[in-house]
Amino acid sequence: MSVRIEKDNNVWTIIHSRPEVRNAMDPKSADELYQAFIEFENNNDASVAVFWGEGGSFCSGWDLKYASSLKGADPLKNLNIPKNRKNNGNGSDIPRGPMGPSRLELSKPVIAAIAGPAVAGGMELALWCDFRVMERSSYLGVYCRRWGIPLIDGGTVRLPKIVGQGRALEISLTGRKVTANECEKIGLCEYIVEDGRCRIKAEEIAHSIAKFPQVCVKADRNSIIKQSNLSVKEGLENEWYNSIEVLSKEGIEGAERFSKGHGRHGDFEDI
């Protein structure tokens, strides 16, 4: 097994471990990662996931030794997305992506804990996560530019949504190294930590999210993700109907706890 799950109450750390190839992704690992995230999504006791590559690398991309063995005009036809598919599922109704879970649209947060390279397909996996914690020496980049292998697992879709079209084009077309400091500057990561501490920090954040009322967490997350393709008017309508039920399920009860003295003056511990 190249993938394992370590559970700490409702925080799951999903670990990809092929350190001998800097966690490059082969079909077996892609299958295992996909199944791990499906298990996380479907488990009612799991609230937040941390995605971490063991051995000092997040993921060095698609395994090029495997790629070199492919033949024919449609070498990945088993992974083709049906063209007539109705876009109403969470991605589990279509084949997995070449990198594994990258086509899934989960209802729960996933935090990337990045050490070393997260390049090519590894960058696409990092972008799939909700946000990123990077170690100071870690980096992103479209390193597959050198070999004529395109971004086929969400890179051209998610990168411009995060950094804008011009910067996404420059990063993608040059294939250059994007350091952690630059990633933080342009919005490609949200935290930089010292080397060896990305998993610790990501799990700390995950636990802080997991202690909140989860129906509300999932509703706000869903509204933020869905708004990017909507007008302001459409976004407001989506936000309202996405979230109004949460008020009766969790919000009123939470307001009652506040009225009894909990969580005053911005206290996030006594809630």
C-alpha atoms as a PDB file:
ATOM      1  CA  MET A   1       0.000   0.000   0.000  1.00  0.00           C
ATOM      2  CA  SER A   2       1.376   3.402  -0.979  1.00  0.00           C
ATOM      3  CA  VAL A   3      -1.496   5.265   0.704  1.00  0.00           C
ATOM      4  CA  ARG A   4      -2.607   5.129   4.302  1.00  0.00           C
ATOM      5  CA  ILE A   5      -4.926   7.065   6.573  1.00  0.00           C
ATOM      6  CA  GLU A   6      -4.072   8.205  10.098  1.00  0.00           C
ATOM      7  CA  LYS A   7      -7.098   9.332  12.124  1.00  0.00           C
ATOM      8  CA  ASP A   8      -7.195  11.697  15.086  1.00  0.00           C
ATOM      9  CA  ASN A   9     -10.857  11.912  16.047  1.00  0.00           C
ATOM     10  CA  ASN A  10     -12.582  13.726  13.165  1.00  0.00           C
ATOM     11  CA  VAL A  11      -9.362  14.844  11.431  1.00  0.00           C
ATOM     12  CA  TRP A  12      -7.966  12.383   8.906  1.00  0.00           C
ATOM     13  CA  THR A  13      -4.447  12.665   7.492  1.00  0.00           C
ATOM     14  CA  ILE A  14      -4.270  10.949   4.115  1.00  0.00           C
ATOM     15  CA  ILE A  15      -0.682  10.019   3.335  1.00  0.00           C
ATOM     16  CA  HIS A  16       0.882   9.240  -0.035  1.00  0.00           C
ATOM     17  CA  SER A  17       4.091   7.292   0.468  1.00  0.00           C
ATOM     18  CA  ARG A  18       6.346   6.514  -2.506  1.00  0.00           C
ATOM     19  CA  PRO A  19       9.420   8.367  -1.212  1.00  0.00           C
ATOM     20  CA  GLU A  20      11.764   6.435  -3.495  1.00  0.00           C
ATOM     21  CA  VAL A  21      10.267   8.345  -6.463  1.00  0.00           C
ATOM     22  CA  ARG A  22       9.463  11.572  -4.586  1.00  0.00           C
ATOM     23  CA  ASN A  23       5.827  10.468  -4.424  1.00  0.00           C
ATOM     24  CA  ALA A  24       5.333  10.360  -8.189  1.00  0.00           C
ATOM     25  CA  MET A  25       1.864   9.079  -9.044  1.00  0.00           C
ATOM     26  CA  ASP A  26       1.364   5.687 -10.648  1.00  0.00           C
ATOM     27  CA  PRO A  27      -2.047   4.061 -11.313  1.00  0.00           C
ATOM     28  CA  LYS A  28      -1.973   2.010  -8.101  1.00  0.00           C
ATOM     29  CA  SER A  29      -1.341   5.086  -5.954  1.00  0.00           C
ATOM     30  CA  ALA A  30      -3.967   7.059  -7.875  1.00  0.00           C
ATOM     31  CA  ASP A  31      -6.552   4.332  -7.201  1.00  0.00           C
ATOM     32  CA  GLU A  32      -5.660   4.179  -3.526  1.00  0.00           C
ATOM     33  CA  LEU A  33      -5.759   7.961  -3.061  1.00  0.00           C
ATOM     34  CA  TYR A  34      -9.102   8.166  -4.822  1.00  0.00           C
ATOM     35  CA  GLN A  35     -10.572   5.480  -2.571  1.00  0.00           C
ATOM     36  CA  ALA A  36      -9.121   7.122   0.554  1.00  0.00           C
ATOM     37  CA  PHE A  37     -10.816  10.435  -0.212  1.00  0.00           C
ATOM     38  CA  ILE A  38     -14.101   8.701  -1.090  1.00  0.00           C
ATOM     39  CA  GLU A  39     -13.912   6.961   2.292  1.00  0.00           C
ATOM     40  CA  PHE A  40     -13.262  10.312   3.983  1.00  0.00           C
ATOM     41  CA  GLU A  41     -16.201  11.930   2.184  1.00  0.00           C
ATOM     42  CA  ASN A  42     -18.618   9.142   3.099  1.00  0.00           C
ATOM     43  CA  ASN A  43     -17.605   8.719   6.742  1.00  0.00           C
ATOM     44  CA  ASN A  44     -19.881  10.707   9.069  1.00  0.00           C
ATOM     45  CA  ASP A  45     -17.177  10.864  11.742  1.00  0.00           C
ATOM     46  CA  ALA A  46     -14.644  12.564   9.428  1.00  0.00           C
ATOM     47  CA  SER A  47     -14.753  16.362   9.172  1.00  0.00           C
ATOM     48  CA  VAL A  48     -11.442  17.671   7.770  1.00  0.00           C
ATOM     49  CA  ALA A  49      -8.642  15.967   5.838  1.00  0.00           C
ATOM     50  CA  VAL A  50      -4.950  16.794   5.625  1.00  0.00           C
ATOM     51  CA  PHE A  51      -3.217  15.589   2.450  1.00  0.00           C
ATOM     52  CA  TRP A  52       0.514  14.946   3.003  1.00  0.00           C
ATOM     53  CA  GLY A  53       3.312  13.284   1.044  1.00  0.00           C
ATOM     54  CA  GLU A  54       5.678  11.247   3.194  1.00  0.00           C
ATOM     55  CA  GLY A  55       9.453  11.453   2.928  1.00  0.00           C
ATOM     56  CA  GLY A  56      10.021  15.130   2.171  1.00  0.00           C
ATOM     57  CA  SER A  57       8.078  15.469  -1.097  1.00  0.00           C
ATOM     58  CA  PHE A  58       4.426  16.307  -1.637  1.00  0.00           C
ATOM     59  CA  CYS A  59       4.300  14.866  -5.154  1.00  0.00           C
ATOM     60  CA  SER A  60       6.736  15.117  -8.059  1.00  0.00           C
ATOM     61  CA  GLY A  61       3.956  14.565 -10.589  1.00  0.00           C
ATOM     62  CA  TRP A  62       2.806  11.786 -12.842  1.00  0.00           C
ATOM     63  CA  ASP A  63       5.153   8.782 -12.945  1.00  0.00           C
ATOM     64  CA  LEU A  64       6.901   9.356 -16.290  1.00  0.00           C
ATOM     65  CA  LYS A  65       8.202   5.786 -16.388  1.00  0.00           C
ATOM     66  CA  TYR A  66       4.581   4.684 -16.460  1.00  0.00           C
ATOM     67  CA  ALA A  67       3.705   7.399 -18.990  1.00  0.00           C
ATOM     68  CA  SER A  68       6.477   6.192 -21.285  1.00  0.00           C
ATOM     69  CA  SER A  69       4.823   2.767 -21.457  1.00  0.00           C
ATOM     70  CA  LEU A  70       1.551   4.122 -22.890  1.00  0.00           C
ATOM     71  CA  LYS A  71       0.693   3.391 -26.511  1.00  0.00           C
ATOM     72  CA  GLY A  72      -1.839   4.501 -29.116  1.00  0.00           C
ATOM     73  CA  ALA A  73      -3.787   7.644 -29.978  1.00  0.00           C
ATOM     74  CA  ASP A  74      -6.008   7.507 -26.883  1.00  0.00           C
ATOM     75  CA  PRO A  75      -3.736   5.995 -24.228  1.00  0.00           C
ATOM     76  CA  LEU A  76      -5.901   6.991 -21.232  1.00  0.00           C
ATOM     77  CA  LYS A  77      -9.311   6.181 -22.719  1.00  0.00           C
ATOM     78  CA  ASN A  78     -10.307   4.347 -19.521  1.00  0.00           C
ATOM     79  CA  LEU A  79     -10.163   7.729 -17.754  1.00  0.00           C
ATOM     80  CA  ASN A  80     -12.181   9.682 -20.329  1.00  0.00           C
ATOM     81  CA  ILE A  81     -14.942  11.910 -18.937  1.00  0.00           C
ATOM     82  CA  PRO A  82     -18.237  11.189 -20.757  1.00  0.00           C
ATOM     83  CA  LYS A  83     -19.053  14.183 -22.968  1.00  0.00           C
ATOM     84  CA  ASN A  84     -22.802  13.891 -22.326  1.00  0.00           C
ATOM     85  CA  ARG A  85     -22.412  13.763 -18.566  1.00  0.00           C
ATOM     86  CA  LYS A  86     -24.833  15.900 -16.569  1.00  0.00           C
ATOM     87  CA  ASN A  87     -22.802  18.000 -14.154  1.00  0.00           C
ATOM     88  CA  ASN A  88     -24.769  17.151 -11.038  1.00  0.00           C
ATOM     89  CA  GLY A  89     -22.512  14.728  -9.220  1.00  0.00           C
ATOM     90  CA  ASN A  90     -19.474  15.114  -6.983  1.00  0.00           C
ATOM     91  CA  GLY A  91     -17.121  13.450  -9.452  1.00  0.00           C
ATOM     92  CA  SER A  92     -17.505   9.927  -8.118  1.00  0.00           C
ATOM     93  CA  ASP A  93     -19.793   9.131 -11.072  1.00  0.00           C
ATOM     94  CA  ILE A  94     -16.929   9.420 -13.583  1.00  0.00           C
ATOM     95  CA  PRO A  95     -13.489   7.783 -13.812  1.00  0.00           C
ATOM     96  CA  ARG A  96     -10.850   9.090 -11.418  1.00  0.00           C
ATOM     97  CA  GLY A  97      -8.275  11.555 -12.670  1.00  0.00           C
ATOM     98  CA  PRO A  98      -4.757  10.456 -13.672  1.00  0.00           C
ATOM     99  CA  MET A  99      -3.561  11.805 -10.315  1.00  0.00           C
ATOM    100  CA  GLY A 100      -6.373  10.130  -8.379  1.00  0.00           C
ATOM    101  CA  PRO A 101      -8.879  12.325  -6.501  1.00  0.00           C
ATOM    102  CA  SER A 102      -8.489  15.459  -8.632  1.00  0.00           C
ATOM    103  CA  ARG A 103     -11.950  15.234 -10.239  1.00  0.00           C
ATOM    104  CA  LEU A 104     -13.770  14.829  -6.942  1.00  0.00           C
ATOM    105  CA  GLU A 105     -15.795  17.752  -5.603  1.00  0.00           C
ATOM    106  CA  LEU A 106     -15.968  16.920  -1.917  1.00  0.00           C
ATOM    107  CA  SER A 107     -18.332  18.488   0.595  1.00  0.00           C
ATOM    108  CA  LYS A 108     -15.606  18.645   3.274  1.00  0.00           C
ATOM    109  CA  PRO A 109     -12.353  20.646   3.544  1.00  0.00           C
ATOM    110  CA  VAL A 110      -9.001  19.238   2.468  1.00  0.00           C
ATOM    111  CA  ILE A 111      -5.756  20.985   3.465  1.00  0.00           C
ATOM    112  CA  ALA A 112      -2.536  20.337   1.522  1.00  0.00           C
ATOM    113  CA  ALA A 113       0.603  19.976   3.653  1.00  0.00           C
ATOM    114  CA  ILE A 114       3.444  20.571   1.202  1.00  0.00           C
ATOM    115  CA  ALA A 115       7.098  19.677   1.653  1.00  0.00           C
ATOM    116  CA  GLY A 116       9.596  19.649  -1.201  1.00  0.00           C
ATOM    117  CA  PRO A 117       8.221  19.531  -4.737  1.00  0.00           C
ATOM    118  CA  ALA A 118       4.559  19.803  -5.666  1.00  0.00           C
ATOM    119  CA  VAL A 119       5.166  19.957  -9.379  1.00  0.00           C
ATOM    120  CA  ALA A 120       3.371  19.050 -12.619  1.00  0.00           C
ATOM    121  CA  GLY A 121       0.541  16.716 -11.581  1.00  0.00           C
ATOM    122  CA  GLY A 122       1.626  17.218  -7.975  1.00  0.00           C
ATOM    123  CA  MET A 123       0.856  20.916  -8.350  1.00  0.00           C
ATOM    124  CA  GLU A 124      -2.547  19.981  -9.748  1.00  0.00           C
ATOM    125  CA  LEU A 125      -3.232  17.924  -6.622  1.00  0.00           C
ATOM    126  CA  ALA A 126      -2.144  20.827  -4.419  1.00  0.00           C
ATOM    127  CA  LEU A 127      -4.495  23.162  -6.289  1.00  0.00           C
ATOM    128  CA  TRP A 128      -7.338  20.656  -5.818  1.00  0.00           C
ATOM    129  CA  CYS A 129      -7.110  21.132  -2.059  1.00  0.00           C
ATOM    130  CA  ASP A 130      -8.994  23.957  -0.332  1.00  0.00           C
ATOM    131  CA  PHE A 131      -5.785  25.702   0.703  1.00  0.00           C
ATOM    132  CA  ARG A 132      -2.107  25.021   1.157  1.00  0.00           C
ATOM    133  CA  VAL A 133       0.476  24.982   3.964  1.00  0.00           C
ATOM    134  CA  MET A 134       3.969  25.073   2.457  1.00  0.00           C
ATOM    135  CA  GLU A 135       7.357  24.506   4.027  1.00  0.00           C
ATOM    136  CA  ARG A 136       9.891  27.252   3.404  1.00  0.00           C
ATOM    137  CA  SER A 137      11.963  25.179   0.947  1.00  0.00           C
ATOM    138  CA  SER A 138       8.979  23.700  -0.919  1.00  0.00           C
ATOM    139  CA  TYR A 139       7.908  24.783  -4.386  1.00  0.00           C
ATOM    140  CA  LEU A 140       5.344  24.428  -7.160  1.00  0.00           C
ATOM    141  CA  GLY A 141       5.828  24.438 -10.911  1.00  0.00           C
ATOM    142  CA  VAL A 142       4.676  23.016 -14.229  1.00  0.00           C
ATOM    143  CA  TYR A 143       7.818  20.926 -14.593  1.00  0.00           C
ATOM    144  CA  CYS A 144       6.114  18.659 -17.146  1.00  0.00           C
ATOM    145  CA  ARG A 145       6.515  21.559 -19.613  1.00  0.00           C
ATOM    146  CA  ARG A 146       9.938  20.084 -20.450  1.00  0.00           C
ATOM    147  CA  TRP A 147       8.529  16.785 -21.695  1.00  0.00           C
ATOM    148  CA  GLY A 148       5.470  17.817 -23.704  1.00  0.00           C
ATOM    149  CA  ILE A 149       3.059  16.438 -21.132  1.00  0.00           C
ATOM    150  CA  PRO A 150       0.115  18.822 -20.674  1.00  0.00           C
ATOM    151  CA  LEU A 151      -1.827  19.673 -17.559  1.00  0.00           C
ATOM    152  CA  ILE A 152      -4.725  17.208 -17.713  1.00  0.00           C
ATOM    153  CA  ASP A 153      -5.871  17.052 -14.113  1.00  0.00           C
ATOM    154  CA  GLY A 154      -7.318  20.464 -13.348  1.00  0.00           C
ATOM    155  CA  GLY A 155      -4.232  22.653 -13.546  1.00  0.00           C
ATOM    156  CA  THR A 156      -5.475  24.865 -16.373  1.00  0.00           C
ATOM    157  CA  VAL A 157      -8.848  25.179 -14.639  1.00  0.00           C
ATOM    158  CA  ARG A 158      -7.876  25.842 -11.018  1.00  0.00           C
ATOM    159  CA  LEU A 159      -4.655  27.847 -11.430  1.00  0.00           C
ATOM    160  CA  PRO A 160      -6.259  30.880 -13.171  1.00  0.00           C
ATOM    161  CA  LYS A 161      -9.135  30.844 -10.669  1.00  0.00           C
ATOM    162  CA  ILE A 162      -6.577  31.298  -7.884  1.00  0.00           C
ATOM    163  CA  VAL A 163      -3.966  33.648  -9.395  1.00  0.00           C
ATOM    164  CA  GLY A 164      -5.655  35.125 -12.493  1.00  0.00           C
ATOM    165  CA  GLN A 165      -5.264  34.331 -16.178  1.00  0.00           C
ATOM    166  CA  GLY A 166      -2.075  36.257 -16.951  1.00  0.00           C
ATOM    167  CA  ARG A 167      -0.075  34.877 -14.063  1.00  0.00           C
ATOM    168  CA  ALA A 168      -1.442  31.374 -14.672  1.00  0.00           C
ATOM    169  CA  LEU A 169      -0.304  31.564 -18.292  1.00  0.00           C
ATOM    170  CA  GLU A 170       3.166  32.770 -17.304  1.00  0.00           C
ATOM    171  CA  ILE A 171       3.615  30.032 -14.673  1.00  0.00           C
ATOM    172  CA  SER A 172       2.260  27.338 -16.960  1.00  0.00           C
ATOM    173  CA  LEU A 173       4.025  28.270 -20.185  1.00  0.00           C
ATOM    174  CA  THR A 174       7.459  28.880 -18.658  1.00  0.00           C
ATOM    175  CA  GLY A 175       7.303  25.833 -16.385  1.00  0.00           C
ATOM    176  CA  ARG A 176       9.513  27.691 -13.923  1.00  0.00           C
ATOM    177  CA  LYS A 177       9.946  27.010 -10.213  1.00  0.00           C
ATOM    178  CA  VAL A 178       7.511  28.892  -7.981  1.00  0.00           C
ATOM    179  CA  THR A 179       8.953  29.132  -4.487  1.00  0.00           C
ATOM    180  CA  ALA A 180       6.918  29.081  -1.277  1.00  0.00           C
ATOM    181  CA  ASN A 181       7.560  32.789  -0.742  1.00  0.00           C
ATOM    182  CA  GLU A 182       6.211  33.634  -4.175  1.00  0.00           C
ATOM    183  CA  CYS A 183       3.272  31.284  -3.699  1.00  0.00           C
ATOM    184  CA  GLU A 184       2.279  33.156  -0.552  1.00  0.00           C
ATOM    185  CA  LYS A 185       2.681  36.495  -2.323  1.00  0.00           C
ATOM    186  CA  ILE A 186       0.394  35.580  -5.238  1.00  0.00           C
ATOM    187  CA  GLY A 187      -2.174  33.582  -3.280  1.00  0.00           C
ATOM    188  CA  LEU A 188      -1.057  30.057  -4.166  1.00  0.00           C
ATOM    189  CA  CYS A 189      -0.555  29.207  -0.502  1.00  0.00           C
ATOM    190  CA  GLU A 190      -1.944  30.532   2.741  1.00  0.00           C
ATOM    191  CA  TYR A 191       0.759  29.531   5.255  1.00  0.00           C
ATOM    192  CA  ILE A 192       4.541  29.126   5.182  1.00  0.00           C
ATOM    193  CA  VAL A 193       6.193  27.130   7.968  1.00  0.00           C
ATOM    194  CA  GLU A 194       9.708  25.976   8.713  1.00  0.00           C
ATOM    195  CA  ASP A 195      10.865  22.768   7.048  1.00  0.00           C
ATOM    196  CA  GLY A 196       9.504  19.631   8.664  1.00  0.00           C
ATOM    197  CA  ARG A 197       6.419  21.326  10.086  1.00  0.00           C
ATOM    198  CA  CYS A 198       3.831  21.428   7.291  1.00  0.00           C
ATOM    199  CA  ARG A 199       1.904  18.409   8.522  1.00  0.00           C
ATOM    200  CA  ILE A 200       1.909  19.668  12.101  1.00  0.00           C
ATOM    201  CA  LYS A 201       0.566  23.069  11.073  1.00  0.00           C
ATOM    202  CA  ALA A 202      -2.026  21.638   8.673  1.00  0.00           C
ATOM    203  CA  GLU A 203      -3.342  19.251  11.321  1.00  0.00           C
ATOM    204  CA  GLU A 204      -3.498  22.083  13.835  1.00  0.00           C
ATOM    205  CA  ILE A 205      -5.643  24.110  11.415  1.00  0.00           C
ATOM    206  CA  ALA A 206      -7.755  21.044  10.624  1.00  0.00           C
ATOM    207  CA  HIS A 207      -8.552  20.487  14.284  1.00  0.00           C
ATOM    208  CA  SER A 208      -9.517  24.137  14.698  1.00  0.00           C
ATOM    209  CA  ILE A 209     -11.991  23.787  11.801  1.00  0.00           C
ATOM    210  CA  ALA A 210     -13.286  20.394  12.932  1.00  0.00           C
ATOM    211  CA  LYS A 211     -14.449  21.683  16.323  1.00  0.00           C
ATOM    212  CA  PHE A 212     -16.975  24.076  14.736  1.00  0.00           C
ATOM    213  CA  PRO A 213     -20.584  23.131  13.842  1.00  0.00           C
ATOM    214  CA  GLN A 214     -19.983  21.169  10.642  1.00  0.00           C
ATOM    215  CA  VAL A 215     -23.243  21.758   8.773  1.00  0.00           C
ATOM    216  CA  CYS A 216     -22.415  25.475   8.822  1.00  0.00           C
ATOM    217  CA  VAL A 217     -18.768  24.897   7.826  1.00  0.00           C
ATOM    218  CA  LYS A 218     -19.828  22.820   4.822  1.00  0.00           C
ATOM    219  CA  ALA A 219     -22.528  25.304   3.791  1.00  0.00           C
ATOM    220  CA  ASP A 220     -20.192  28.324   3.772  1.00  0.00           C
ATOM    221  CA  ARG A 221     -17.480  26.334   2.016  1.00  0.00           C
ATOM    222  CA  ASN A 222     -19.940  25.230  -0.673  1.00  0.00           C
ATOM    223  CA  SER A 223     -21.189  28.783  -1.218  1.00  0.00           C
ATOM    224  CA  ILE A 224     -17.670  30.184  -1.590  1.00  0.00           C
ATOM    225  CA  ILE A 225     -16.666  27.476  -4.085  1.00  0.00           C
ATOM    226  CA  LYS A 226     -19.827  27.787  -6.191  1.00  0.00           C
ATOM    227  CA  GLN A 227     -19.862  31.600  -6.421  1.00  0.00           C
ATOM    228  CA  SER A 228     -16.890  31.877  -8.789  1.00  0.00           C
ATOM    229  CA  ASN A 229     -19.005  31.107 -11.853  1.00  0.00           C
ATOM    230  CA  LEU A 230     -22.037  33.162 -10.781  1.00  0.00           C
ATOM    231  CA  SER A 231     -23.045  36.787 -11.078  1.00  0.00           C
ATOM    232  CA  VAL A 232     -23.467  38.722  -7.824  1.00  0.00           C
ATOM    233  CA  LYS A 233     -27.236  38.297  -8.106  1.00  0.00           C
ATOM    234  CA  GLU A 234     -26.945  34.551  -8.712  1.00  0.00           C
ATOM    235  CA  GLY A 235     -24.347  34.225  -5.962  1.00  0.00           C
ATOM    236  CA  LEU A 236     -26.573  35.960  -3.421  1.00  0.00           C
ATOM    237  CA  GLU A 237     -29.472  33.679  -4.303  1.00  0.00           C
ATOM    238  CA  ASN A 238     -27.271  30.583  -4.113  1.00  0.00           C
ATOM    239  CA  GLU A 239     -25.827  31.682  -0.768  1.00  0.00           C
ATOM    240  CA  TRP A 240     -29.292  32.264   0.684  1.00  0.00           C
ATOM    241  CA  TYR A 241     -30.816  28.910  -0.257  1.00  0.00           C
ATOM    242  CA  ASN A 242     -27.571  27.055   0.414  1.00  0.00           C
ATOM    243  CA  SER A 243     -27.345  28.422   3.952  1.00  0.00           C
ATOM    244  CA  ILE A 244     -30.760  29.351   5.325  1.00  0.00           C
ATOM    245  CA  GLU A 245     -31.514  25.838   6.598  1.00  0.00           C
ATOM    246  CA  VAL A 246     -28.283  25.933   8.593  1.00  0.00           C
ATOM    247  CA  LEU A 247     -29.717  28.696  10.749  1.00  0.00           C
ATOM    248  CA  SER A 248     -32.416  26.403  12.090  1.00  0.00           C
ATOM    249  CA  LYS A 249     -30.137  23.344  12.277  1.00  0.00           C
ATOM    250  CA  GLU A 250     -27.151  24.927  14.044  1.00  0.00           C
ATOM    251  CA  GLY A 251     -27.264  28.731  14.132  1.00  0.00           C
ATOM    252  CA  ILE A 252     -30.095  29.277  16.605  1.00  0.00           C
ATOM    253  CA  GLU A 253     -28.626  26.710  18.980  1.00  0.00           C
ATOM    254  CA  GLY A 254     -25.234  28.440  18.675  1.00  0.00           C
ATOM    255  CA  ALA A 255     -26.812  31.825  19.435  1.00  0.00           C
ATOM    256  CA  GLU A 256     -28.339  30.310  22.560  1.00  0.00           C
ATOM    257  CA  ARG A 257     -24.900  29.170  23.717  1.00  0.00           C
ATOM    258  CA  PHE A 258     -23.589  32.684  23.159  1.00  0.00           C
ATOM    259  CA  SER A 259     -26.469  34.158  25.167  1.00  0.00           C
ATOM    260  CA  LYS A 260     -25.451  31.904  28.052  1.00  0.00           C
ATOM    261  CA  GLY A 261     -21.947  33.389  28.083  1.00  0.00           C
ATOM    262  CA  HIS A 262     -19.917  31.137  25.777  1.00  0.00           C
ATOM    263  CA  GLY A 263     -17.470  32.459  23.168  1.00  0.00           C
ATOM    264  CA  ARG A 264     -17.583  36.086  24.275  1.00  0.00           C
ATOM    265  CA  HIS A 265     -15.010  38.664  23.098  1.00  0.00           C
ATOM    266  CA  GLY A 266     -13.870  36.551  20.131  1.00  0.00           C
ATOM    267  CA  ASP A 267     -13.118  33.440  22.194  1.00  0.00           C
ATOM    268  CA  PHE A 268     -12.910  30.503  19.748  1.00  0.00           C
ATOM    269  CA  GLU A 269     -12.182  27.931  22.460  1.00  0.00           C
ATOM    270  CA  ASP A 270     -15.186  28.117  24.786  1.00  0.00           C
ATOM    271  CA  ILE A 271     -17.956  27.555  22.248  1.00  0.00           C
END
